Amino acid sequence: MCRWLAYSGSPIAPEKLIYEPEHSLIDQSLHARYGVETVNGDGFGVGYYGERELPPAVFKDTKPAWGDQNLRELARHVRSPLFMAHVRASSGTAVQQTNCHPFRYGRWLWMHNGVISSFSRLKRDLVMAVEPELYPSIEGSTDSEVMFFLALTFGLSEHPPAAVGRMVGLVEETGRAHGVERPIQMTVATSDGERLWTFRYSTEHRSPSLFHSTDPRHVRRLHPEVFTPMELSEDTQVVVSEPLRDLPGLWIEVPESTYTTSERGRFEMQAFRPAPPD
């Protein structure tokens, strides 16, 4: 399993979330409290959108995040209105740069915590369902990247919740065909640079943990000694694998079988259901 965070709001330096909180993503890479593994040291990645209409930048490496000076420098000097960060604990695939999250295709970023059970048995059938034009862009060997390209195949750019629903439906259908009882568990974040979607789902309804931040105005009223207006703009939204700070009223757990949408200050949660693929 892995740990990740996704931010949407006014531009900030990623170090505000990756390094500064007492239970920052760097701390989680060594001392995760909600994951299966305590240490997430099989690589890391950051994907972020800038001010220009360009594809997002991605920086990732196979080294543990806690000792990478380049990550610290980048997180301090870059400012972004929407970024993702991920620390990896491999579920069996190789520790290599192409297997580190987030994954990128055009304007889209994708990262995942969880697993496709018995992926080696299901992999051929799942990969064969990827659109032929997309297949050459698959660079690594993870189940997470295959999930991304299946979602792209099923229309991620047109309707992300429906596309992810069809992806999950295919994984579960393929799993059943191969005798895998609980094919998938996941928390996923994906973005086109304008909007951010996150998903929490598993076949057995025991998904990895996921939390979202509360309304920034409410947080500032509760904790004026911690958060300044500059740190939490009105449209700020943060979604995390586990809380970054132990402050009452700051984090709300995303329910099972739920997806969230963040867009220009609007935040919604809705029920998520797999859909049979065409």
C-alpha atoms as a PDB file:
ATOM      1  CA  MET A   1       0.000   0.000   0.000  1.00  0.00           C
ATOM      2  CA  CYS A   2       0.965   3.671  -0.285  1.00  0.00           C
ATOM      3  CA  ARG A   3       0.179   7.136   1.104  1.00  0.00           C
ATOM      4  CA  TRP A   4      -0.851  10.164  -0.940  1.00  0.00           C
ATOM      5  CA  LEU A   5      -2.296  13.654  -0.855  1.00  0.00           C
ATOM      6  CA  ALA A   6      -4.006  15.925  -3.388  1.00  0.00           C
ATOM      7  CA  TYR A   7      -4.385  19.703  -3.106  1.00  0.00           C
ATOM      8  CA  SER A   8      -6.639  22.163  -4.929  1.00  0.00           C
ATOM      9  CA  GLY A   9      -6.882  25.879  -4.157  1.00  0.00           C
ATOM     10  CA  SER A  10      -4.870  29.072  -4.415  1.00  0.00           C
ATOM     11  CA  PRO A  11      -1.235  28.495  -5.425  1.00  0.00           C
ATOM     12  CA  ILE A  12       1.001  27.322  -2.577  1.00  0.00           C
ATOM     13  CA  ALA A  13       4.381  25.658  -2.219  1.00  0.00           C
ATOM     14  CA  PRO A  14       3.919  21.873  -1.951  1.00  0.00           C
ATOM     15  CA  GLU A  15       6.232  21.807   1.082  1.00  0.00           C
ATOM     16  CA  LYS A  16       3.281  23.248   3.059  1.00  0.00           C
ATOM     17  CA  LEU A  17       1.738  19.765   2.965  1.00  0.00           C
ATOM     18  CA  ILE A  18       4.596  17.439   2.043  1.00  0.00           C
ATOM     19  CA  TYR A  19       6.990  18.615   4.802  1.00  0.00           C
ATOM     20  CA  GLU A  20       5.566  21.085   7.310  1.00  0.00           C
ATOM     21  CA  PRO A  21       2.666  19.384   9.194  1.00  0.00           C
ATOM     22  CA  GLU A  22       3.584  17.159  12.134  1.00  0.00           C
ATOM     23  CA  HIS A  23       2.226  14.148  10.263  1.00  0.00           C
ATOM     24  CA  SER A  24       3.272  15.309   6.806  1.00  0.00           C
ATOM     25  CA  LEU A  25       3.578  13.026   3.810  1.00  0.00           C
ATOM     26  CA  ILE A  26       7.298  12.728   4.570  1.00  0.00           C
ATOM     27  CA  ASP A  27       6.443  11.611   8.104  1.00  0.00           C
ATOM     28  CA  GLN A  28       3.958   9.116   6.653  1.00  0.00           C
ATOM     29  CA  SER A  29       6.680   7.680   4.429  1.00  0.00           C
ATOM     30  CA  LEU A  30       8.362   6.535   7.659  1.00  0.00           C
ATOM     31  CA  HIS A  31       5.530   6.319  10.182  1.00  0.00           C
ATOM     32  CA  ALA A  32       2.200   5.643   8.452  1.00  0.00           C
ATOM     33  CA  ARG A  33      -0.565   5.053  10.968  1.00  0.00           C
ATOM     34  CA  TYR A  34      -3.512   3.983   8.811  1.00  0.00           C
ATOM     35  CA  GLY A  35      -1.840   1.855   6.145  1.00  0.00           C
ATOM     36  CA  VAL A  36      -0.901  -1.816   6.028  1.00  0.00           C
ATOM     37  CA  GLU A  37       2.810  -0.910   5.964  1.00  0.00           C
ATOM     38  CA  THR A  38       4.389   1.566   8.357  1.00  0.00           C
ATOM     39  CA  VAL A  39       7.182   2.467   5.927  1.00  0.00           C
ATOM     40  CA  ASN A  40       6.525   3.661   2.374  1.00  0.00           C
ATOM     41  CA  GLY A  41      10.021   3.821   0.948  1.00  0.00           C
ATOM     42  CA  ASP A  42       9.743   2.296  -2.542  1.00  0.00           C
ATOM     43  CA  GLY A  43       9.859   5.604  -4.370  1.00  0.00           C
ATOM     44  CA  PHE A  44       7.860   8.818  -4.501  1.00  0.00           C
ATOM     45  CA  GLY A  45       6.393  11.283  -6.950  1.00  0.00           C
ATOM     46  CA  VAL A  46       4.949  14.769  -7.244  1.00  0.00           C
ATOM     47  CA  GLY A  47       2.777  15.992 -10.107  1.00  0.00           C
ATOM     48  CA  TYR A  48       1.803  19.654 -10.345  1.00  0.00           C
ATOM     49  CA  TYR A  49       0.086  22.110 -12.648  1.00  0.00           C
ATOM     50  CA  GLY A  50       1.530  25.547 -13.384  1.00  0.00           C
ATOM     51  CA  GLU A  51       0.130  28.821 -14.637  1.00  0.00           C
ATOM     52  CA  ARG A  52       0.626  28.089 -18.342  1.00  0.00           C
ATOM     53  CA  GLU A  53      -1.540  25.771 -20.437  1.00  0.00           C
ATOM     54  CA  LEU A  54       0.977  22.947 -20.454  1.00  0.00           C
ATOM     55  CA  PRO A  55       0.774  19.324 -19.374  1.00  0.00           C
ATOM     56  CA  PRO A  56       1.510  18.894 -15.669  1.00  0.00           C
ATOM     57  CA  ALA A  57       5.101  18.497 -14.530  1.00  0.00           C
ATOM     58  CA  VAL A  58       6.030  15.206 -12.868  1.00  0.00           C
ATOM     59  CA  PHE A  59       9.041  14.559 -10.656  1.00  0.00           C
ATOM     60  CA  LYS A  60       9.575  11.077  -9.261  1.00  0.00           C
ATOM     61  CA  ASP A  61      12.324   8.739  -8.138  1.00  0.00           C
ATOM     62  CA  THR A  62      12.844   5.284  -6.675  1.00  0.00           C
ATOM     63  CA  LYS A  63      14.647   6.586  -3.589  1.00  0.00           C
ATOM     64  CA  PRO A  64      12.767   7.013  -0.307  1.00  0.00           C
ATOM     65  CA  ALA A  65      11.123  10.425  -0.129  1.00  0.00           C
ATOM     66  CA  TRP A  66      12.506  11.264   3.307  1.00  0.00           C
ATOM     67  CA  GLY A  67      16.100  11.547   2.094  1.00  0.00           C
ATOM     68  CA  ASP A  68      15.711  13.224  -1.290  1.00  0.00           C
ATOM     69  CA  GLN A  69      17.146  16.740  -1.308  1.00  0.00           C
ATOM     70  CA  ASN A  70      15.853  17.473  -4.816  1.00  0.00           C
ATOM     71  CA  LEU A  71      12.291  16.844  -3.657  1.00  0.00           C
ATOM     72  CA  ARG A  72      12.787  19.226  -0.750  1.00  0.00           C
ATOM     73  CA  GLU A  73      14.135  21.934  -3.079  1.00  0.00           C
ATOM     74  CA  LEU A  74      11.310  21.532  -5.593  1.00  0.00           C
ATOM     75  CA  ALA A  75       8.614  21.465  -2.905  1.00  0.00           C
ATOM     76  CA  ARG A  76       9.971  24.702  -1.437  1.00  0.00           C
ATOM     77  CA  HIS A  77      10.287  26.762  -4.617  1.00  0.00           C
ATOM     78  CA  VAL A  78       7.410  25.631  -6.851  1.00  0.00           C
ATOM     79  CA  ARG A  79       3.958  27.165  -6.390  1.00  0.00           C
ATOM     80  CA  SER A  80       0.938  25.350  -7.753  1.00  0.00           C
ATOM     81  CA  PRO A  81      -2.874  25.616  -7.495  1.00  0.00           C
ATOM     82  CA  LEU A  82      -3.300  21.870  -7.945  1.00  0.00           C
ATOM     83  CA  PHE A  83      -0.807  19.155  -7.132  1.00  0.00           C
ATOM     84  CA  MET A  84      -0.533  15.526  -6.066  1.00  0.00           C
ATOM     85  CA  ALA A  85       2.156  13.762  -4.044  1.00  0.00           C
ATOM     86  CA  HIS A  86       2.635  10.037  -3.430  1.00  0.00           C
ATOM     87  CA  VAL A  87       4.952   7.800  -1.410  1.00  0.00           C
ATOM     88  CA  ARG A  88       5.023   4.183  -2.531  1.00  0.00           C
ATOM     89  CA  ALA A  89       5.075   0.801  -0.836  1.00  0.00           C
ATOM     90  CA  SER A  90       5.183  -1.759  -3.619  1.00  0.00           C
ATOM     91  CA  SER A  91       2.585  -4.525  -3.611  1.00  0.00           C
ATOM     92  CA  GLY A  92       4.874  -6.771  -5.649  1.00  0.00           C
ATOM     93  CA  THR A  93       5.861  -4.941  -8.825  1.00  0.00           C
ATOM     94  CA  ALA A  94       9.387  -3.669  -9.363  1.00  0.00           C
ATOM     95  CA  VAL A  95      10.832  -0.632  -7.652  1.00  0.00           C
ATOM     96  CA  GLN A  96      11.570   1.447 -10.740  1.00  0.00           C
ATOM     97  CA  GLN A  97      10.869   5.016 -11.799  1.00  0.00           C
ATOM     98  CA  THR A  98       8.154   4.099 -14.307  1.00  0.00           C
ATOM     99  CA  ASN A  99       6.205   2.423 -11.500  1.00  0.00           C
ATOM    100  CA  CYS A 100       6.192   5.516  -9.258  1.00  0.00           C
ATOM    101  CA  HIS A 101       3.063   7.659  -9.051  1.00  0.00           C
ATOM    102  CA  PRO A 102       1.528   9.903 -10.223  1.00  0.00           C
ATOM    103  CA  PHE A 103       1.069   8.730 -13.797  1.00  0.00           C
ATOM    104  CA  ARG A 104       0.546  11.270 -16.569  1.00  0.00           C
ATOM    105  CA  TYR A 105      -1.195  11.272 -19.926  1.00  0.00           C
ATOM    106  CA  GLY A 106      -1.690  14.621 -21.641  1.00  0.00           C
ATOM    107  CA  ARG A 107      -3.326  16.948 -19.095  1.00  0.00           C
ATOM    108  CA  TRP A 108      -4.293  14.063 -16.818  1.00  0.00           C
ATOM    109  CA  LEU A 109      -2.642  12.901 -13.597  1.00  0.00           C
ATOM    110  CA  TRP A 110      -3.533   9.705 -11.713  1.00  0.00           C
ATOM    111  CA  MET A 111      -2.364   8.095  -8.491  1.00  0.00           C
ATOM    112  CA  HIS A 112      -3.599   5.113  -6.515  1.00  0.00           C
ATOM    113  CA  ASN A 113      -3.357   3.367  -3.173  1.00  0.00           C
ATOM    114  CA  GLY A 114      -4.577  -0.199  -3.057  1.00  0.00           C
ATOM    115  CA  VAL A 115      -4.291  -3.311  -5.157  1.00  0.00           C
ATOM    116  CA  ILE A 116      -5.818  -5.443  -7.869  1.00  0.00           C
ATOM    117  CA  SER A 117      -5.715  -8.860  -6.238  1.00  0.00           C
ATOM    118  CA  SER A 118      -3.931 -11.582  -8.214  1.00  0.00           C
ATOM    119  CA  PHE A 119      -2.961  -8.951 -10.760  1.00  0.00           C
ATOM    120  CA  SER A 120      -0.568 -11.298 -12.556  1.00  0.00           C
ATOM    121  CA  ARG A 121      -3.516 -13.600 -13.354  1.00  0.00           C
ATOM    122  CA  LEU A 122      -5.763 -10.763 -14.532  1.00  0.00           C
ATOM    123  CA  LYS A 123      -3.165  -8.579 -16.209  1.00  0.00           C
ATOM    124  CA  ARG A 124      -3.366  -9.965 -19.750  1.00  0.00           C
ATOM    125  CA  ASP A 125      -7.156  -9.637 -19.979  1.00  0.00           C
ATOM    126  CA  LEU A 126      -7.100  -6.128 -18.486  1.00  0.00           C
ATOM    127  CA  VAL A 127      -4.298  -4.832 -20.678  1.00  0.00           C
ATOM    128  CA  MET A 128      -6.008  -6.216 -23.781  1.00  0.00           C
ATOM    129  CA  ALA A 129      -8.997  -3.998 -22.975  1.00  0.00           C
ATOM    130  CA  VAL A 130      -6.903  -0.809 -23.206  1.00  0.00           C
ATOM    131  CA  GLU A 131      -7.542   1.243 -26.350  1.00  0.00           C
ATOM    132  CA  PRO A 132      -4.834   0.332 -28.927  1.00  0.00           C
ATOM    133  CA  GLU A 133      -3.902   4.002 -29.401  1.00  0.00           C
ATOM    134  CA  LEU A 134      -3.280   4.328 -25.653  1.00  0.00           C
ATOM    135  CA  TYR A 135      -1.396   1.079 -25.122  1.00  0.00           C
ATOM    136  CA  PRO A 136       2.072   2.346 -26.241  1.00  0.00           C
ATOM    137  CA  SER A 137       1.973   4.999 -23.516  1.00  0.00           C
ATOM    138  CA  ILE A 138       1.973   2.410 -20.714  1.00  0.00           C
ATOM    139  CA  GLU A 139       5.536   2.581 -19.379  1.00  0.00           C
ATOM    140  CA  GLY A 140       5.573   0.527 -16.182  1.00  0.00           C
ATOM    141  CA  SER A 141       4.282  -2.773 -14.809  1.00  0.00           C
ATOM    142  CA  THR A 142       1.873  -1.748 -12.033  1.00  0.00           C
ATOM    143  CA  ASP A 143      -1.816  -2.480 -11.641  1.00  0.00           C
ATOM    144  CA  SER A 144      -2.257   1.259 -10.878  1.00  0.00           C
ATOM    145  CA  GLU A 145      -1.079   2.353 -14.326  1.00  0.00           C
ATOM    146  CA  VAL A 146      -3.288  -0.235 -16.053  1.00  0.00           C
ATOM    147  CA  MET A 147      -6.252   1.112 -14.063  1.00  0.00           C
ATOM    148  CA  PHE A 148      -5.411   4.610 -15.332  1.00  0.00           C
ATOM    149  CA  PHE A 149      -5.282   3.582 -18.974  1.00  0.00           C
ATOM    150  CA  LEU A 150      -8.481   1.585 -18.658  1.00  0.00           C
ATOM    151  CA  ALA A 151     -10.183   4.686 -17.232  1.00  0.00           C
ATOM    152  CA  LEU A 152      -8.817   6.710 -20.166  1.00  0.00           C
ATOM    153  CA  THR A 153     -10.154   4.038 -22.524  1.00  0.00           C
ATOM    154  CA  PHE A 154     -13.592   4.272 -20.931  1.00  0.00           C
ATOM    155  CA  GLY A 155     -13.849   8.076 -21.258  1.00  0.00           C
ATOM    156  CA  LEU A 156     -11.980   9.654 -18.350  1.00  0.00           C
ATOM    157  CA  SER A 157     -11.739  12.971 -20.202  1.00  0.00           C
ATOM    158  CA  GLU A 158     -15.509  13.087 -20.819  1.00  0.00           C
ATOM    159  CA  HIS A 159     -16.976  11.821 -17.525  1.00  0.00           C
ATOM    160  CA  PRO A 160     -14.454  10.705 -14.897  1.00  0.00           C
ATOM    161  CA  PRO A 161     -16.847   9.047 -12.395  1.00  0.00           C
ATOM    162  CA  ALA A 162     -18.466   6.983 -15.151  1.00  0.00           C
ATOM    163  CA  ALA A 163     -15.087   6.032 -16.620  1.00  0.00           C
ATOM    164  CA  VAL A 164     -13.690   4.950 -13.250  1.00  0.00           C
ATOM    165  CA  GLY A 165     -16.918   3.046 -12.594  1.00  0.00           C
ATOM    166  CA  ARG A 166     -16.511   1.124 -15.844  1.00  0.00           C
ATOM    167  CA  MET A 167     -12.861   0.441 -15.065  1.00  0.00           C
ATOM    168  CA  VAL A 168     -13.756  -1.017 -11.672  1.00  0.00           C
ATOM    169  CA  GLY A 169     -16.609  -2.978 -13.234  1.00  0.00           C
ATOM    170  CA  LEU A 170     -14.201  -4.561 -15.704  1.00  0.00           C
ATOM    171  CA  VAL A 171     -11.684  -5.437 -12.985  1.00  0.00           C
ATOM    172  CA  GLU A 172     -14.395  -7.105 -10.901  1.00  0.00           C
ATOM    173  CA  GLU A 173     -15.841  -8.942 -13.901  1.00  0.00           C
ATOM    174  CA  THR A 174     -12.388 -10.154 -14.925  1.00  0.00           C
ATOM    175  CA  GLY A 175     -11.589 -11.147 -11.359  1.00  0.00           C
ATOM    176  CA  ARG A 176     -14.729 -13.242 -11.072  1.00  0.00           C
ATOM    177  CA  ALA A 177     -13.908 -14.964 -14.359  1.00  0.00           C
ATOM    178  CA  HIS A 178     -10.533 -15.985 -12.879  1.00  0.00           C
ATOM    179  CA  GLY A 179     -11.914 -17.028  -9.494  1.00  0.00           C
ATOM    180  CA  VAL A 180     -10.689 -13.955  -7.600  1.00  0.00           C
ATOM    181  CA  GLU A 181     -13.283 -13.201  -4.917  1.00  0.00           C
ATOM    182  CA  ARG A 182     -12.193  -9.667  -3.950  1.00  0.00           C
ATOM    183  CA  PRO A 183     -10.551  -8.227  -7.047  1.00  0.00           C
ATOM    184  CA  ILE A 184      -9.985  -4.577  -6.118  1.00  0.00           C
ATOM    185  CA  GLN A 185      -9.430  -2.111  -3.325  1.00  0.00           C
ATOM    186  CA  MET A 186      -8.507   1.464  -4.022  1.00  0.00           C
ATOM    187  CA  THR A 187      -8.310   5.088  -3.238  1.00  0.00           C
ATOM    188  CA  VAL A 188      -7.639   7.058  -6.418  1.00  0.00           C
ATOM    189  CA  ALA A 189      -6.983  10.712  -7.232  1.00  0.00           C
ATOM    190  CA  THR A 190      -7.147  12.067 -10.769  1.00  0.00           C
ATOM    191  CA  SER A 191      -7.194  15.533 -12.310  1.00  0.00           C
ATOM    192  CA  ASP A 192      -7.232  17.412 -15.601  1.00  0.00           C
ATOM    193  CA  GLY A 193      -5.729  20.543 -14.037  1.00  0.00           C
ATOM    194  CA  GLU A 194      -9.099  22.242 -13.563  1.00  0.00           C
ATOM    195  CA  ARG A 195     -10.930  19.711 -11.416  1.00  0.00           C
ATOM    196  CA  LEU A 196      -9.876  17.077  -8.915  1.00  0.00           C
ATOM    197  CA  TRP A 197     -11.685  13.778  -8.356  1.00  0.00           C
ATOM    198  CA  THR A 198     -10.980  11.210  -5.662  1.00  0.00           C
ATOM    199  CA  PHE A 199     -12.497   7.742  -5.209  1.00  0.00           C
ATOM    200  CA  ARG A 200     -12.734   5.294  -2.324  1.00  0.00           C
ATOM    201  CA  TYR A 201     -13.954   1.790  -3.115  1.00  0.00           C
ATOM    202  CA  SER A 202     -13.242  -1.908  -2.619  1.00  0.00           C
ATOM    203  CA  THR A 203     -15.092  -5.076  -3.582  1.00  0.00           C
ATOM    204  CA  GLU A 204     -15.257  -6.184   0.051  1.00  0.00           C
ATOM    205  CA  HIS A 205     -16.132  -2.664   1.331  1.00  0.00           C
ATOM    206  CA  ARG A 206     -12.939  -2.444   3.384  1.00  0.00           C
ATOM    207  CA  SER A 207     -11.163   0.272   1.447  1.00  0.00           C
ATOM    208  CA  PRO A 208      -7.902   2.036   2.326  1.00  0.00           C
ATOM    209  CA  SER A 209      -8.386   5.139   4.447  1.00  0.00           C
ATOM    210  CA  LEU A 210      -9.243   8.499   2.891  1.00  0.00           C
ATOM    211  CA  PHE A 211     -10.026  11.917   4.423  1.00  0.00           C
ATOM    212  CA  HIS A 212     -10.916  15.370   3.134  1.00  0.00           C
ATOM    213  CA  SER A 213     -10.414  18.746   4.771  1.00  0.00           C
ATOM    214  CA  THR A 214     -13.350  20.723   6.099  1.00  0.00           C
ATOM    215  CA  ASP A 215     -14.458  24.180   4.971  1.00  0.00           C
ATOM    216  CA  PRO A 216     -11.479  26.562   5.331  1.00  0.00           C
ATOM    217  CA  ARG A 217     -13.600  29.195   7.100  1.00  0.00           C
ATOM    218  CA  HIS A 218     -14.611  26.625   9.695  1.00  0.00           C
ATOM    219  CA  VAL A 219     -10.993  25.531  10.152  1.00  0.00           C
ATOM    220  CA  ARG A 220      -9.777  29.111  10.667  1.00  0.00           C
ATOM    221  CA  ARG A 221     -12.456  29.680  13.301  1.00  0.00           C
ATOM    222  CA  LEU A 222     -11.440  26.488  15.127  1.00  0.00           C
ATOM    223  CA  HIS A 223      -7.678  26.933  14.844  1.00  0.00           C
ATOM    224  CA  PRO A 224      -6.723  30.577  14.213  1.00  0.00           C
ATOM    225  CA  GLU A 225      -3.395  29.954  15.947  1.00  0.00           C
ATOM    226  CA  VAL A 226      -2.365  27.410  13.291  1.00  0.00           C
ATOM    227  CA  PHE A 227      -3.779  28.523   9.945  1.00  0.00           C
ATOM    228  CA  THR A 228      -3.482  32.017   8.503  1.00  0.00           C
ATOM    229  CA  PRO A 229      -5.743  33.357   5.723  1.00  0.00           C
ATOM    230  CA  MET A 230      -2.848  33.031   3.286  1.00  0.00           C
ATOM    231  CA  GLU A 231      -2.497  29.316   4.024  1.00  0.00           C
ATOM    232  CA  LEU A 232      -6.157  28.443   3.568  1.00  0.00           C
ATOM    233  CA  SER A 233      -7.988  30.315   0.835  1.00  0.00           C
ATOM    234  CA  GLU A 234     -11.755  30.002   0.513  1.00  0.00           C
ATOM    235  CA  ASP A 235     -11.470  27.422  -2.268  1.00  0.00           C
ATOM    236  CA  THR A 236      -8.875  25.185  -0.584  1.00  0.00           C
ATOM    237  CA  GLN A 237      -9.505  21.456  -0.597  1.00  0.00           C
ATOM    238  CA  VAL A 238      -7.101  18.746   0.531  1.00  0.00           C
ATOM    239  CA  VAL A 239      -7.718  14.997   0.256  1.00  0.00           C
ATOM    240  CA  VAL A 240      -5.295  12.677   2.043  1.00  0.00           C
ATOM    241  CA  SER A 241      -4.696   9.025   2.826  1.00  0.00           C
ATOM    242  CA  GLU A 242      -4.413   9.983   6.482  1.00  0.00           C
ATOM    243  CA  PRO A 243      -4.649  13.240   8.435  1.00  0.00           C
ATOM    244  CA  LEU A 244      -1.684  15.608   8.300  1.00  0.00           C
ATOM    245  CA  ARG A 245      -2.465  17.233  11.643  1.00  0.00           C
ATOM    246  CA  ASP A 246      -4.207  15.921  14.751  1.00  0.00           C
ATOM    247  CA  LEU A 247      -6.645  18.811  15.117  1.00  0.00           C
ATOM    248  CA  PRO A 248     -10.325  18.330  16.005  1.00  0.00           C
ATOM    249  CA  GLY A 249     -12.699  19.333  13.235  1.00  0.00           C
ATOM    250  CA  LEU A 250     -10.054  19.463  10.523  1.00  0.00           C
ATOM    251  CA  TRP A 251     -10.589  16.140   8.728  1.00  0.00           C
ATOM    252  CA  ILE A 252     -13.655  14.180   7.665  1.00  0.00           C
ATOM    253  CA  GLU A 253     -13.444  10.577   6.551  1.00  0.00           C
ATOM    254  CA  VAL A 254     -14.623   9.912   3.004  1.00  0.00           C
ATOM    255  CA  PRO A 255     -17.239   7.114   3.296  1.00  0.00           C
ATOM    256  CA  GLU A 256     -16.937   3.754   1.600  1.00  0.00           C
ATOM    257  CA  SER A 257     -18.021   3.644  -2.044  1.00  0.00           C
ATOM    258  CA  THR A 258     -17.827   7.424  -2.471  1.00  0.00           C
ATOM    259  CA  TYR A 259     -16.218   9.836  -4.897  1.00  0.00           C
ATOM    260  CA  THR A 260     -15.453  13.517  -4.392  1.00  0.00           C
ATOM    261  CA  THR A 261     -15.237  16.418  -6.844  1.00  0.00           C
ATOM    262  CA  SER A 262     -13.311  19.655  -6.217  1.00  0.00           C
ATOM    263  CA  GLU A 263     -13.661  22.577  -8.635  1.00  0.00           C
ATOM    264  CA  ARG A 264     -13.123  26.299  -7.965  1.00  0.00           C
ATOM    265  CA  GLY A 265     -14.298  26.192  -4.383  1.00  0.00           C
ATOM    266  CA  ARG A 266     -17.059  23.636  -4.974  1.00  0.00           C
ATOM    267  CA  PHE A 267     -16.689  20.332  -3.149  1.00  0.00           C
ATOM    268  CA  GLU A 268     -19.140  17.449  -3.497  1.00  0.00           C
ATOM    269  CA  MET A 269     -19.343  13.849  -2.339  1.00  0.00           C
ATOM    270  CA  GLN A 270     -21.476  11.303  -4.179  1.00  0.00           C
ATOM    271  CA  ALA A 271     -22.036   7.559  -4.118  1.00  0.00           C
ATOM    272  CA  PHE A 272     -19.684   5.544  -6.320  1.00  0.00           C
ATOM    273  CA  ARG A 273     -20.845   2.364  -8.017  1.00  0.00           C
ATOM    274  CA  PRO A 274     -19.025   0.117 -10.477  1.00  0.00           C
ATOM    275  CA  ALA A 275     -20.668  -0.212 -13.874  1.00  0.00           C
ATOM    276  CA  PRO A 276     -20.567  -3.125 -16.295  1.00  0.00           C
ATOM    277  CA  PRO A 277     -18.175  -2.332 -19.168  1.00  0.00           C
ATOM    278  CA  ASP A 278     -19.617  -2.280 -22.667  1.00  0.00           C
END
